[in-house]
Amino acid sequence: MKPLKNLEIVSLWLLRIGIVFLFIALYGKQVDNLAFDNYRWVINMVYLLSSVLLFIGGFLRKSTLTIICGLLIAGISIYQMVPIVADGRISFFDPTLFQYIVMTGVGMLFASIGNR
């Protein structure tokens, strides 16, 4: 059976939309707090802004914004995973760890393909 090439564009846009809504659901409530002195707040806002810019980058002709935002999402996801893994008490079914693993993969995907 041949791969369904026509679904590639739809799936990439669904990933873009899904990332935006996931990050809005996870970090959207923190926007009101404006806590620039809290590094977690800054990281979460960069996460949120990167997802929105990744979506906007899909409409642009050049893929620079998509690549940069993909790298930011992947990098921040890896940064968020380090304390979980370094703690040494990893539960195999910890949904937080797998959330960051999936977001790392999605970020790397957009960093590698751009606006194809």
N, C-alpha and C. Protein backbone atom coordinates (compact mmCIF):
# COMPACT_ATOMS: atom_id res chain seq x y z
N MET A 1 0.85 -1.18 0.00
CA MET A 1 0.00 0.00 0.00
C MET A 1 0.89 1.24 0.00
N LYS A 2 0.55 2.21 -0.83
CA LYS A 2 1.33 3.43 -0.95
C LYS A 2 0.92 4.43 0.14
N PRO A 3 1.88 5.25 0.59
CA PRO A 3 1.52 6.28 1.57
C PRO A 3 0.59 7.32 0.94
N LEU A 4 -0.22 7.91 1.75
CA LEU A 4 -1.18 8.91 1.30
C LEU A 4 -0.51 10.28 1.35
N LYS A 5 0.16 10.65 0.27
CA LYS A 5 0.93 11.90 0.22
C LYS A 5 0.05 13.13 0.38
N ASN A 6 -1.19 13.07 -0.05
CA ASN A 6 -2.07 14.23 0.03
C ASN A 6 -2.42 14.60 1.47
N LEU A 7 -2.31 13.65 2.37
CA LEU A 7 -2.63 13.92 3.78
C LEU A 7 -1.49 14.60 4.53
N GLU A 8 -0.32 14.71 3.91
CA GLU A 8 0.82 15.31 4.59
C GLU A 8 0.54 16.76 4.95
N ILE A 9 0.02 17.53 4.03
CA ILE A 9 -0.26 18.95 4.28
C ILE A 9 -1.31 19.10 5.38
N VAL A 10 -2.34 18.29 5.31
CA VAL A 10 -3.41 18.35 6.33
C VAL A 10 -2.85 17.98 7.70
N SER A 11 -2.03 16.95 7.75
CA SER A 11 -1.50 16.51 9.05
C SER A 11 -0.55 17.55 9.64
N LEU A 12 0.24 18.22 8.80
CA LEU A 12 1.13 19.26 9.32
C LEU A 12 0.33 20.44 9.88
N TRP A 13 -0.74 20.81 9.19
CA TRP A 13 -1.57 21.90 9.72
C TRP A 13 -2.31 21.48 10.98
N LEU A 14 -2.73 20.22 11.05
CA LEU A 14 -3.36 19.75 12.29
C LEU A 14 -2.37 19.77 13.45
N LEU A 15 -1.10 19.44 13.17
CA LEU A 15 -0.08 19.53 14.21
C LEU A 15 0.13 20.97 14.66
N ARG A 16 0.17 21.90 13.72
CA ARG A 16 0.33 23.31 14.07
C ARG A 16 -0.83 23.79 14.94
N ILE A 17 -2.04 23.48 14.51
CA ILE A 17 -3.23 23.90 15.27
C ILE A 17 -3.25 23.22 16.64
N GLY A 18 -2.91 21.94 16.67
CA GLY A 18 -2.90 21.20 17.93
C GLY A 18 -1.89 21.74 18.92
N ILE A 19 -0.71 22.12 18.43
CA ILE A 19 0.32 22.69 19.31
C ILE A 19 -0.16 24.00 19.92
N VAL A 20 -0.75 24.85 19.09
CA VAL A 20 -1.23 26.14 19.59
C VAL A 20 -2.27 25.93 20.68
N PHE A 21 -3.25 25.08 20.42
CA PHE A 21 -4.31 24.88 21.42
C PHE A 21 -3.82 24.14 22.65
N LEU A 22 -2.87 23.22 22.48
CA LEU A 22 -2.31 22.53 23.64
C LEU A 22 -1.58 23.51 24.55
N PHE A 23 -0.75 24.37 23.96
CA PHE A 23 0.01 25.32 24.77
C PHE A 23 -0.89 26.40 25.36
N ILE A 24 -1.93 26.77 24.65
CA ILE A 24 -2.90 27.71 25.24
C ILE A 24 -3.58 27.07 26.43
N ALA A 25 -3.95 25.80 26.30
CA ALA A 25 -4.59 25.10 27.42
C ALA A 25 -3.65 24.93 28.60
N LEU A 26 -2.37 24.66 28.32
CA LEU A 26 -1.41 24.43 29.40
C LEU A 26 -0.91 25.72 30.04
N TYR A 27 -0.64 26.74 29.21
CA TYR A 27 0.05 27.93 29.71
C TYR A 27 -0.72 29.22 29.53
N GLY A 28 -1.89 29.17 28.94
CA GLY A 28 -2.65 30.38 28.66
C GLY A 28 -3.11 31.13 29.89
N LYS A 29 -3.38 30.43 30.96
CA LYS A 29 -3.85 31.08 32.19
C LYS A 29 -2.76 31.89 32.87
N GLN A 30 -1.51 31.59 32.54
CA GLN A 30 -0.39 32.28 33.18
C GLN A 30 -0.07 33.62 32.54
N VAL A 31 -0.68 33.91 31.40
CA VAL A 31 -0.38 35.16 30.68
C VAL A 31 -0.75 36.37 31.53
N ASP A 32 -1.82 36.29 32.29
CA ASP A 32 -2.28 37.42 33.10
C ASP A 32 -1.35 37.79 34.24
N ASN A 33 -0.53 36.86 34.70
CA ASN A 33 0.28 37.08 35.89
C ASN A 33 1.47 38.02 35.68
N LEU A 34 2.02 38.08 34.50
CA LEU A 34 3.18 38.92 34.19
C LEU A 34 4.27 38.85 35.26
N ALA A 35 4.85 37.69 35.40
CA ALA A 35 5.89 37.47 36.40
C ALA A 35 7.24 37.30 35.70
N PHE A 36 7.81 38.41 35.22
CA PHE A 36 9.07 38.34 34.48
C PHE A 36 10.23 37.90 35.35
N ASP A 37 10.11 37.98 36.65
CA ASP A 37 11.18 37.55 37.53
C ASP A 37 11.17 36.04 37.77
N ASN A 38 10.10 35.36 37.41
CA ASN A 38 9.98 33.92 37.56
C ASN A 38 10.41 33.25 36.25
N TYR A 39 11.51 32.49 36.28
CA TYR A 39 12.04 31.90 35.06
C TYR A 39 11.08 30.88 34.46
N ARG A 40 10.30 30.19 35.28
CA ARG A 40 9.31 29.22 34.75
C ARG A 40 8.25 29.94 33.93
N TRP A 41 7.83 31.12 34.39
CA TRP A 41 6.84 31.89 33.65
C TRP A 41 7.41 32.32 32.30
N VAL A 42 8.65 32.75 32.30
CA VAL A 42 9.29 33.18 31.05
C VAL A 42 9.41 32.01 30.08
N ILE A 43 9.82 30.85 30.58
CA ILE A 43 9.93 29.66 29.73
C ILE A 43 8.57 29.28 29.16
N ASN A 44 7.55 29.31 29.99
CA ASN A 44 6.21 28.96 29.51
C ASN A 44 5.70 29.96 28.48
N MET A 45 6.03 31.23 28.64
CA MET A 45 5.59 32.23 27.67
C MET A 45 6.35 32.09 26.34
N VAL A 46 7.63 31.72 26.41
CA VAL A 46 8.38 31.46 25.18
C VAL A 46 7.80 30.25 24.47
N TYR A 47 7.43 29.23 25.23
CA TYR A 47 6.74 28.06 24.69
C TYR A 47 5.46 28.48 23.97
N LEU A 48 4.65 29.26 24.64
CA LEU A 48 3.37 29.70 24.08
C LEU A 48 3.58 30.57 22.84
N LEU A 49 4.48 31.53 22.92
CA LEU A 49 4.76 32.40 21.80
C LEU A 49 5.33 31.61 20.61
N SER A 50 6.19 30.64 20.88
CA SER A 50 6.75 29.82 19.81
C SER A 50 5.68 29.04 19.08
N SER A 51 4.70 28.54 19.82
CA SER A 51 3.63 27.78 19.16
C SER A 51 2.79 28.68 18.27
N VAL A 52 2.50 29.89 18.73
CA VAL A 52 1.72 30.82 17.91
C VAL A 52 2.51 31.24 16.68
N LEU A 53 3.79 31.51 16.85
CA LEU A 53 4.63 31.90 15.71
C LEU A 53 4.86 30.73 14.75
N LEU A 54 4.86 29.51 15.26
CA LEU A 54 4.95 28.34 14.39
C LEU A 54 3.73 28.26 13.49
N PHE A 55 2.57 28.54 14.05
CA PHE A 55 1.34 28.55 13.27
C PHE A 55 1.38 29.67 12.22
N ILE A 56 1.79 30.86 12.62
CA ILE A 56 1.88 31.99 11.70
C ILE A 56 2.93 31.71 10.62
N GLY A 57 4.01 31.06 10.99
CA GLY A 57 5.06 30.74 10.03
C GLY A 57 4.60 29.84 8.90
N GLY A 58 3.54 29.09 9.13
CA GLY A 58 3.00 28.24 8.08
C GLY A 58 2.41 29.03 6.92
N PHE A 59 2.04 30.28 7.15
CA PHE A 59 1.47 31.12 6.11
C PHE A 59 2.53 31.89 5.32
N LEU A 60 3.76 31.88 5.80
CA LEU A 60 4.82 32.65 5.16
C LEU A 60 5.50 31.84 4.05
N ARG A 61 6.06 32.56 3.10
CA ARG A 61 6.75 31.91 1.98
C ARG A 61 8.06 31.27 2.44
N LYS A 62 8.84 32.00 3.23
CA LYS A 62 10.11 31.47 3.74
C LYS A 62 9.84 30.67 5.01
N SER A 63 10.65 29.68 5.25
CA SER A 63 10.41 28.80 6.40
C SER A 63 11.30 29.11 7.59
N THR A 64 11.96 30.26 7.61
CA THR A 64 12.87 30.60 8.71
C THR A 64 12.14 30.65 10.05
N LEU A 65 10.98 31.29 10.10
CA LEU A 65 10.23 31.39 11.36
C LEU A 65 9.80 30.02 11.85
N THR A 66 9.38 29.15 10.94
CA THR A 66 8.97 27.80 11.32
C THR A 66 10.15 27.01 11.89
N ILE A 67 11.30 27.14 11.27
CA ILE A 67 12.49 26.40 11.72
C ILE A 67 12.92 26.90 13.09
N ILE A 68 12.97 28.21 13.28
CA ILE A 68 13.39 28.77 14.57
C ILE A 68 12.41 28.37 15.68
N CYS A 69 11.12 28.47 15.40
CA CYS A 69 10.12 28.10 16.42
C CYS A 69 10.15 26.61 16.71
N GLY A 70 10.38 25.79 15.70
CA GLY A 70 10.52 24.36 15.92
C GLY A 70 11.71 24.05 16.80
N LEU A 71 12.83 24.73 16.56
CA LEU A 71 14.01 24.54 17.41
C LEU A 71 13.76 25.01 18.84
N LEU A 72 13.05 26.13 18.99
CA LEU A 72 12.72 26.62 20.34
C LEU A 72 11.84 25.63 21.09
N ILE A 73 10.82 25.12 20.41
CA ILE A 73 9.92 24.15 21.06
C ILE A 73 10.68 22.89 21.44
N ALA A 74 11.53 22.40 20.55
CA ALA A 74 12.32 21.20 20.86
C ALA A 74 13.31 21.47 21.99
N GLY A 75 13.98 22.61 21.93
CA GLY A 75 14.96 22.93 22.97
C GLY A 75 14.34 23.12 24.34
N ILE A 76 13.23 23.82 24.39
CA ILE A 76 12.57 24.03 25.68
C ILE A 76 12.01 22.71 26.21
N SER A 77 11.52 21.86 25.31
CA SER A 77 11.01 20.55 25.75
C SER A 77 12.12 19.70 26.35
N ILE A 78 13.28 19.73 25.71
CA ILE A 78 14.42 19.00 26.27
C ILE A 78 14.83 19.60 27.61
N TYR A 79 14.84 20.93 27.70
CA TYR A 79 15.16 21.60 28.95
C TYR A 79 14.16 21.22 30.06
N GLN A 80 12.90 21.06 29.71
CA GLN A 80 11.88 20.68 30.69
C GLN A 80 12.03 19.20 31.09
N MET A 81 12.58 18.37 30.19
CA MET A 81 12.74 16.94 30.49
C MET A 81 13.92 16.67 31.42
N VAL A 82 14.94 17.50 31.35
CA VAL A 82 16.17 17.24 32.11
C VAL A 82 15.92 17.07 33.60
N PRO A 83 15.16 17.96 34.28
CA PRO A 83 14.93 17.74 35.71
C PRO A 83 14.14 16.46 36.00
N ILE A 84 13.25 16.10 35.10
CA ILE A 84 12.45 14.88 35.31
C ILE A 84 13.35 13.65 35.24
N VAL A 85 14.23 13.62 34.24
CA VAL A 85 15.12 12.48 34.05
C VAL A 85 16.24 12.48 35.09
N ALA A 86 16.78 13.65 35.40
CA ALA A 86 17.90 13.75 36.36
C ALA A 86 17.47 13.42 37.78
N ASP A 87 16.17 13.54 38.04
CA ASP A 87 15.65 13.23 39.37
C ASP A 87 15.87 11.77 39.73
N GLY A 88 15.86 10.90 38.73
CA GLY A 88 16.10 9.48 38.97
C GLY A 88 14.88 8.69 39.38
N ARG A 89 13.78 9.37 39.62
CA ARG A 89 12.56 8.68 40.03
C ARG A 89 11.54 8.73 38.89
N ILE A 90 11.96 8.28 37.73
CA ILE A 90 11.09 8.34 36.55
C ILE A 90 10.10 7.19 36.60
N SER A 91 8.85 7.54 36.52
CA SER A 91 7.82 6.54 36.37
C SER A 91 7.65 6.31 34.87
N PHE A 92 7.60 5.07 34.47
CA PHE A 92 7.51 4.76 33.04
C PHE A 92 6.26 5.36 32.42
N PHE A 93 5.22 5.49 33.19
CA PHE A 93 3.96 6.01 32.66
C PHE A 93 3.70 7.44 33.12
N ASP A 94 4.75 8.21 33.29
CA ASP A 94 4.62 9.62 33.67
C ASP A 94 4.18 10.42 32.45
N PRO A 95 2.97 10.94 32.44
CA PRO A 95 2.49 11.65 31.24
C PRO A 95 3.25 12.94 30.97
N THR A 96 3.80 13.56 31.99
CA THR A 96 4.54 14.81 31.80
C THR A 96 5.79 14.57 30.96
N LEU A 97 6.51 13.50 31.26
CA LEU A 97 7.71 13.17 30.50
C LEU A 97 7.36 12.91 29.04
N PHE A 98 6.32 12.14 28.80
CA PHE A 98 5.96 11.81 27.43
C PHE A 98 5.40 13.01 26.68
N GLN A 99 4.78 13.93 27.39
CA GLN A 99 4.33 15.17 26.75
C GLN A 99 5.52 15.92 26.19
N TYR A 100 6.59 16.02 26.97
CA TYR A 100 7.78 16.72 26.50
C TYR A 100 8.49 15.95 25.39
N ILE A 101 8.46 14.63 25.44
CA ILE A 101 9.06 13.83 24.38
C ILE A 101 8.32 14.06 23.06
N VAL A 102 7.00 14.07 23.10
CA VAL A 102 6.21 14.31 21.89
C VAL A 102 6.44 15.72 21.37
N MET A 103 6.47 16.70 22.27
CA MET A 103 6.70 18.08 21.84
C MET A 103 8.11 18.26 21.26
N THR A 104 9.10 17.53 21.78
CA THR A 104 10.43 17.56 21.20
C THR A 104 10.40 17.02 19.78
N GLY A 105 9.69 15.93 19.59
CA GLY A 105 9.57 15.35 18.25
C GLY A 105 8.86 16.27 17.27
N VAL A 106 7.79 16.91 17.72
CA VAL A 106 7.05 17.83 16.85
C VAL A 106 7.92 19.04 16.52
N GLY A 107 8.62 19.57 17.50
CA GLY A 107 9.50 20.70 17.25
C GLY A 107 10.61 20.35 16.27
N MET A 108 11.20 19.18 16.43
CA MET A 108 12.25 18.73 15.51
C MET A 108 11.69 18.49 14.12
N LEU A 109 10.46 17.99 14.03
CA LEU A 109 9.83 17.78 12.73
C LEU A 109 9.71 19.09 11.97
N PHE A 110 9.18 20.11 12.62
CA PHE A 110 9.03 21.40 11.94
C PHE A 110 10.37 22.07 11.69
N ALA A 111 11.34 21.85 12.55
CA ALA A 111 12.68 22.40 12.30
C ALA A 111 13.34 21.72 11.10
N SER A 112 13.03 20.46 10.89
CA SER A 112 13.66 19.74 9.79
C SER A 112 12.97 19.92 8.44
N ILE A 113 11.64 20.11 8.44
CA ILE A 113 10.95 20.22 7.14
C ILE A 113 10.57 21.65 6.78
N GLY A 114 10.52 22.54 7.75
CA GLY A 114 10.15 23.92 7.46
C GLY A 114 8.70 24.03 7.03
N ASN A 115 8.47 24.76 5.94
CA ASN A 115 7.11 24.97 5.44
C ASN A 115 6.82 24.13 4.20
N ARG A 116 7.26 22.96 4.17
CA ARG A 116 7.07 22.11 3.01
C ARG A 116 5.67 22.10 2.51
